[in-house]
């Protein structure tokens, strides 16, 4: 699970992220049962075997 912070509202939510996320990438998240696309601004988390395992992601809506 990764903490996702939505820059437009400041709301923090936990989301299951099962892929490597990079800043500038477009990702789809489900909020309130609706799929929406976001641009990743910041990713942080430990790196294991050359793969980032995000614990914190900041996004903004497209």
PDB file of N, CA and C in Angstrom:
ATOM      1  N   UNK A   1       0.844  -1.183   0.000  1.00  0.00           N
ATOM      2  CA  UNK A   1       0.000   0.000   0.000  1.00  0.00           C
ATOM      3  C   UNK A   1       0.888   1.243   0.000  1.00  0.00           C
ATOM      4  N   UNK A   2       0.417   2.244  -0.703  1.00  0.00           N
ATOM      5  CA  UNK A   2       1.139   3.512  -0.760  1.00  0.00           C
ATOM      6  C   UNK A   2       0.183   4.635  -0.382  1.00  0.00           C
ATOM      7  N   UNK A   3       0.713   5.619   0.330  1.00  0.00           N
ATOM      8  CA  UNK A   3      -0.081   6.797   0.645  1.00  0.00           C
ATOM      9  C   UNK A   3      -0.064   7.695  -0.587  1.00  0.00           C
ATOM     10  N   UNK A   4      -1.246   8.049  -1.077  1.00  0.00           N
ATOM     11  CA  UNK A   4      -1.368   8.937  -2.230  1.00  0.00           C
ATOM     12  C   UNK A   4      -1.938  10.257  -1.737  1.00  0.00           C
ATOM     13  N   UNK A   5      -1.250  11.345  -2.054  1.00  0.00           N
ATOM     14  CA  UNK A   5      -1.717  12.683  -1.693  1.00  0.00           C
ATOM     15  C   UNK A   5      -2.151  13.380  -2.972  1.00  0.00           C
ATOM     16  N   UNK A   6      -3.381  13.868  -2.976  1.00  0.00           N
ATOM     17  CA  UNK A   6      -3.938  14.558  -4.129  1.00  0.00           C
ATOM     18  C   UNK A   6      -3.666  16.049  -3.963  1.00  0.00           C
ATOM     19  N   UNK A   7      -2.817  16.604  -4.837  1.00  0.00           N
ATOM     20  CA  UNK A   7      -2.368  17.990  -4.692  1.00  0.00           C
ATOM     21  C   UNK A   7      -3.504  19.002  -4.735  1.00  0.00           C
ATOM     22  N   UNK A   8      -4.549  18.731  -5.514  1.00  0.00           N
ATOM     23  CA  UNK A   8      -5.634  19.709  -5.647  1.00  0.00           C
ATOM     24  C   UNK A   8      -6.466  19.852  -4.379  1.00  0.00           C
ATOM     25  N   UNK A   9      -6.563  18.782  -3.577  1.00  0.00           N
ATOM     26  CA  UNK A   9      -7.395  18.827  -2.376  1.00  0.00           C
ATOM     27  C   UNK A   9      -6.615  18.616  -1.084  1.00  0.00           C
ATOM     28  N   UNK A  10      -5.420  18.038  -1.185  1.00  0.00           N
ATOM     29  CA  UNK A  10      -4.647  17.708   0.006  1.00  0.00           C
ATOM     30  C   UNK A  10      -5.100  16.427   0.681  1.00  0.00           C
ATOM     31  N   UNK A  11      -6.091  15.757   0.117  1.00  0.00           N
ATOM     32  CA  UNK A  11      -6.612  14.512   0.683  1.00  0.00           C
ATOM     33  C   UNK A  11      -5.567  13.414   0.552  1.00  0.00           C
ATOM     34  N   UNK A  12      -5.441  12.594   1.595  1.00  0.00           N
ATOM     35  CA  UNK A  12      -4.529  11.456   1.596  1.00  0.00           C
ATOM     36  C   UNK A  12      -5.347  10.177   1.616  1.00  0.00           C
ATOM     37  N   UNK A  13      -4.989   9.234   0.754  1.00  0.00           N
ATOM     38  CA  UNK A  13      -5.662   7.936   0.696  1.00  0.00           C
ATOM     39  C   UNK A  13      -4.619   6.849   0.519  1.00  0.00           C
ATOM     40  N   UNK A  14      -4.941   5.646   0.967  1.00  0.00           N
ATOM     41  CA  UNK A  14      -4.090   4.481   0.744  1.00  0.00           C
ATOM     42  C   UNK A  14      -4.563   3.785  -0.530  1.00  0.00           C
ATOM     43  N   UNK A  15      -3.617   3.474  -1.420  1.00  0.00           N
ATOM     44  CA  UNK A  15      -3.934   2.771  -2.660  1.00  0.00           C
ATOM     45  C   UNK A  15      -2.943   1.638  -2.856  1.00  0.00           C
ATOM     46  N   UNK A  16      -3.418   0.544  -3.404  1.00  0.00           N
ATOM     47  CA  UNK A  16      -2.560  -0.592  -3.743  1.00  0.00           C
ATOM     48  C   UNK A  16      -1.865  -0.279  -5.057  1.00  0.00           C
ATOM     49  N   UNK A  17      -0.554  -0.184  -5.023  1.00  0.00           N
ATOM     50  CA  UNK A  17       0.244   0.099  -6.216  1.00  0.00           C
ATOM     51  C   UNK A  17       1.131  -1.120  -6.451  1.00  0.00           C
ATOM     52  N   UNK A  18       0.884  -1.838  -7.539  1.00  0.00           N
ATOM     53  CA  UNK A  18       1.634  -3.069  -7.797  1.00  0.00           C
ATOM     54  C   UNK A  18       2.559  -2.946  -9.012  1.00  0.00           C
ATOM     55  N   UNK A  19       2.993  -1.727  -9.279  1.00  0.00           N
ATOM     56  CA  UNK A  19       3.911  -1.490 -10.387  1.00  0.00           C
ATOM     57  C   UNK A  19       4.839  -0.340 -10.008  1.00  0.00           C
ATOM     58  N   UNK A  20       5.949  -0.216 -10.732  1.00  0.00           N
ATOM     59  CA  UNK A  20       6.901   0.857 -10.444  1.00  0.00           C
ATOM     60  C   UNK A  20       6.354   2.174 -10.985  1.00  0.00           C
ATOM     61  N   UNK A  21       6.277   3.171 -10.128  1.00  0.00           N
ATOM     62  CA  UNK A  21       5.725   4.475 -10.488  1.00  0.00           C
ATOM     63  C   UNK A  21       6.871   5.471 -10.610  1.00  0.00           C
ATOM     64  N   UNK A  22       6.798   6.319 -11.632  1.00  0.00           N
ATOM     65  CA  UNK A  22       7.827   7.339 -11.839  1.00  0.00           C
ATOM     66  C   UNK A  22       7.176   8.709 -11.969  1.00  0.00           C
ATOM     67  N   UNK A  23       7.884   9.737 -11.528  1.00  0.00           N
ATOM     68  CA  UNK A  23       7.389  11.109 -11.666  1.00  0.00           C
ATOM     69  C   UNK A  23       7.162  11.410 -13.142  1.00  0.00           C
ATOM     70  N   UNK A  24       6.056  12.100 -13.431  1.00  0.00           N
ATOM     71  CA  UNK A  24       5.700  12.444 -14.801  1.00  0.00           C
ATOM     72  C   UNK A  24       4.813  11.416 -15.470  1.00  0.00           C
ATOM     73  N   UNK A  25       4.683  10.255 -14.859  1.00  0.00           N
ATOM     74  CA  UNK A  25       3.876   9.169 -15.410  1.00  0.00           C
ATOM     75  C   UNK A  25       2.392   9.442 -15.181  1.00  0.00           C
ATOM     76  N   UNK A  26       1.554   8.984 -16.102  1.00  0.00           N
ATOM     77  CA  UNK A  26       0.106   9.047 -15.927  1.00  0.00           C
ATOM     78  C   UNK A  26      -0.351   7.720 -15.341  1.00  0.00           C
ATOM     79  N   UNK A  27      -1.120   7.784 -14.243  1.00  0.00           N
ATOM     80  CA  UNK A  27      -1.656   6.571 -13.634  1.00  0.00           C
ATOM     81  C   UNK A  27      -3.162   6.718 -13.468  1.00  0.00           C
ATOM     82  N   UNK A  28      -3.835   5.591 -13.377  1.00  0.00           N
ATOM     83  CA  UNK A  28      -5.278   5.572 -13.154  1.00  0.00           C
ATOM     84  C   UNK A  28      -5.535   5.075 -11.738  1.00  0.00           C
ATOM     85  N   UNK A  29      -6.304   5.842 -10.978  1.00  0.00           N
ATOM     86  CA  UNK A  29      -6.689   5.461  -9.621  1.00  0.00           C
ATOM     87  C   UNK A  29      -8.202   5.420  -9.533  1.00  0.00           C
ATOM     88  N   UNK A  30      -8.714   4.566  -8.665  1.00  0.00           N
ATOM     89  CA  UNK A  30     -10.160   4.495  -8.437  1.00  0.00           C
ATOM     90  C   UNK A  30     -10.468   5.233  -7.146  1.00  0.00           C
ATOM     91  N   UNK A  31     -11.281   6.290  -7.270  1.00  0.00           N
ATOM     92  CA  UNK A  31     -11.714   7.072  -6.107  1.00  0.00           C
ATOM     93  C   UNK A  31     -13.225   7.120  -6.099  1.00  0.00           C
ATOM     94  N   UNK A  32     -13.823   6.739  -4.998  1.00  0.00           N
ATOM     95  CA  UNK A  32     -15.282   6.725  -4.858  1.00  0.00           C
ATOM     96  C   UNK A  32     -15.929   5.925  -5.986  1.00  0.00           C
ATOM     97  N   UNK A  33     -15.286   4.816  -6.379  1.00  0.00           N
ATOM     98  CA  UNK A  33     -15.832   3.939  -7.405  1.00  0.00           C
ATOM     99  C   UNK A  33     -15.657   4.427  -8.830  1.00  0.00           C
ATOM    100  N   UNK A  34     -14.937   5.533  -9.026  1.00  0.00           N
ATOM    101  CA  UNK A  34     -14.756   6.111 -10.360  1.00  0.00           C
ATOM    102  C   UNK A  34     -13.271   6.089 -10.721  1.00  0.00           C
ATOM    103  N   UNK A  35     -12.953   5.580 -11.927  1.00  0.00           N
ATOM    104  CA  UNK A  35     -11.568   5.601 -12.405  1.00  0.00           C
ATOM    105  C   UNK A  35     -11.236   6.987 -12.923  1.00  0.00           C
ATOM    106  N   UNK A  36     -10.112   7.532 -12.450  1.00  0.00           N
ATOM    107  CA  UNK A  36      -9.669   8.846 -12.912  1.00  0.00           C
ATOM    108  C   UNK A  36      -8.173   8.802 -13.174  1.00  0.00           C
ATOM    109  N   UNK A  37      -7.727   9.604 -14.133  1.00  0.00           N
ATOM    110  CA  UNK A  37      -6.307   9.657 -14.484  1.00  0.00           C
ATOM    111  C   UNK A  37      -5.629  10.814 -13.764  1.00  0.00           C
ATOM    112  N   UNK A  38      -4.397  10.539 -13.320  1.00  0.00           N
ATOM    113  CA  UNK A  38      -3.600  11.518 -12.593  1.00  0.00           C
ATOM    114  C   UNK A  38      -2.177  11.509 -13.126  1.00  0.00           C
ATOM    115  N   UNK A  39      -1.504  12.639 -12.983  1.00  0.00           N
ATOM    116  CA  UNK A  39      -0.084  12.734 -13.302  1.00  0.00           C
ATOM    117  C   UNK A  39       0.682  12.677 -11.988  1.00  0.00           C
ATOM    118  N   UNK A  40       1.698  11.846 -11.937  1.00  0.00           N
ATOM    119  CA  UNK A  40       2.517  11.693 -10.740  1.00  0.00           C
ATOM    120  C   UNK A  40       3.509  12.848 -10.665  1.00  0.00           C
ATOM    121  N   UNK A  41       3.486  13.586  -9.557  1.00  0.00           N
ATOM    122  CA  UNK A  41       4.427  14.686  -9.341  1.00  0.00           C
ATOM    123  C   UNK A  41       5.653  14.222  -8.559  1.00  0.00           C
ATOM    124  N   UNK A  42       5.426  13.461  -7.483  1.00  0.00           N
ATOM    125  CA  UNK A  42       6.521  13.026  -6.605  1.00  0.00           C
ATOM    126  C   UNK A  42       6.287  11.574  -6.204  1.00  0.00           C
ATOM    127  N   UNK A  43       7.367  10.808  -6.177  1.00  0.00           N
ATOM    128  CA  UNK A  43       7.326   9.423  -5.688  1.00  0.00           C
ATOM    129  C   UNK A  43       8.455   9.259  -4.689  1.00  0.00           C
ATOM    130  N   UNK A  44       8.163   8.632  -3.557  1.00  0.00           N
ATOM    131  CA  UNK A  44       9.251   8.314  -2.635  1.00  0.00           C
ATOM    132  C   UNK A  44       9.010   6.936  -2.049  1.00  0.00           C
ATOM    133  N   UNK A  45      10.102   6.279  -1.735  1.00  0.00           N
ATOM    134  CA  UNK A  45      10.034   4.942  -1.166  1.00  0.00           C
ATOM    135  C   UNK A  45      11.358   4.238  -1.361  1.00  0.00           C
ATOM    136  N   UNK A  46      11.525   3.102  -0.717  1.00  0.00           N
ATOM    137  CA  UNK A  46      12.787   2.374  -0.811  1.00  0.00           C
ATOM    138  C   UNK A  46      12.978   1.735  -2.190  1.00  0.00           C
ATOM    139  N   UNK A  47      14.233   1.518  -2.530  1.00  0.00           N
ATOM    140  CA  UNK A  47      14.569   0.845  -3.783  1.00  0.00           C
ATOM    141  C   UNK A  47      15.170  -0.514  -3.439  1.00  0.00           C
ATOM    142  N   UNK A  48      14.557  -1.569  -3.965  1.00  0.00           N
ATOM    143  CA  UNK A  48      15.047  -2.935  -3.806  1.00  0.00           C
ATOM    144  C   UNK A  48      15.319  -3.504  -5.186  1.00  0.00           C
ATOM    145  N   UNK A  49      16.532  -3.995  -5.395  1.00  0.00           N
ATOM    146  CA  UNK A  49      16.910  -4.629  -6.663  1.00  0.00           C
ATOM    147  C   UNK A  49      16.539  -3.759  -7.862  1.00  0.00           C
ATOM    148  N   UNK A  50      16.910  -2.485  -7.811  1.00  0.00           N
ATOM    149  CA  UNK A  50      16.684  -1.515  -8.894  1.00  0.00           C
ATOM    150  C   UNK A  50      15.213  -1.204  -9.162  1.00  0.00           C
ATOM    151  N   UNK A  51      14.326  -1.509  -8.238  1.00  0.00           N
ATOM    152  CA  UNK A  51      12.906  -1.213  -8.395  1.00  0.00           C
ATOM    153  C   UNK A  51      12.430  -0.395  -7.202  1.00  0.00           C
ATOM    154  N   UNK A  52      11.793   0.742  -7.483  1.00  0.00           N
ATOM    155  CA  UNK A  52      11.240   1.577  -6.416  1.00  0.00           C
ATOM    156  C   UNK A  52       9.936   0.964  -5.916  1.00  0.00           C
ATOM    157  N   UNK A  53       9.801   0.860  -4.613  1.00  0.00           N
ATOM    158  CA  UNK A  53       8.574   0.382  -3.981  1.00  0.00           C
ATOM    159  C   UNK A  53       7.959   1.587  -3.270  1.00  0.00           C
ATOM    160  N   UNK A  54       7.033   2.278  -3.949  1.00  0.00           N
ATOM    161  CA  UNK A  54       6.546   3.558  -3.435  1.00  0.00           C
ATOM    162  C   UNK A  54       5.784   3.434  -2.123  1.00  0.00           C
ATOM    163  N   UNK A  55       6.071   4.369  -1.222  1.00  0.00           N
ATOM    164  CA  UNK A  55       5.309   4.478   0.016  1.00  0.00           C
ATOM    165  C   UNK A  55       4.530   5.788   0.050  1.00  0.00           C
ATOM    166  N   UNK A  56       4.972   6.772  -0.764  1.00  0.00           N
ATOM    167  CA  UNK A  56       4.298   8.068  -0.842  1.00  0.00           C
ATOM    168  C   UNK A  56       4.302   8.542  -2.292  1.00  0.00           C
ATOM    169  N   UNK A  57       3.125   8.923  -2.775  1.00  0.00           N
ATOM    170  CA  UNK A  57       2.986   9.412  -4.145  1.00  0.00           C
ATOM    171  C   UNK A  57       2.129  10.671  -4.102  1.00  0.00           C
ATOM    172  N   UNK A  58       2.605  11.749  -4.737  1.00  0.00           N
ATOM    173  CA  UNK A  58       1.804  12.972  -4.890  1.00  0.00           C
ATOM    174  C   UNK A  58       1.344  13.041  -6.333  1.00  0.00           C
ATOM    175  N   UNK A  59       0.035  13.268  -6.522  1.00  0.00           N
ATOM    176  CA  UNK A  59      -0.529  13.297  -7.872  1.00  0.00           C
ATOM    177  C   UNK A  59      -1.389  14.533  -8.068  1.00  0.00           C
ATOM    178  N   UNK A  60      -1.594  14.865  -9.347  1.00  0.00           N
ATOM    179  CA  UNK A  60      -2.544  15.931  -9.703  1.00  0.00           C
ATOM    180  C   UNK A  60      -3.424  15.411 -10.822  1.00  0.00           C
ATOM    181  N   UNK A  61      -4.653  15.863 -10.812  1.00  0.00           N
ATOM    182  CA  UNK A  61      -5.616  15.393 -11.804  1.00  0.00           C
ATOM    183  C   UNK A  61      -5.306  15.999 -13.167  1.00  0.00           C
ATOM    184  N   UNK A  62      -5.537  15.220 -14.203  1.00  0.00           N
ATOM    185  CA  UNK A  62      -5.304  15.689 -15.578  1.00  0.00           C
ATOM    186  C   UNK A  62      -6.430  16.613 -15.978  1.00  0.00           C
TER     187      UNK A  62
END
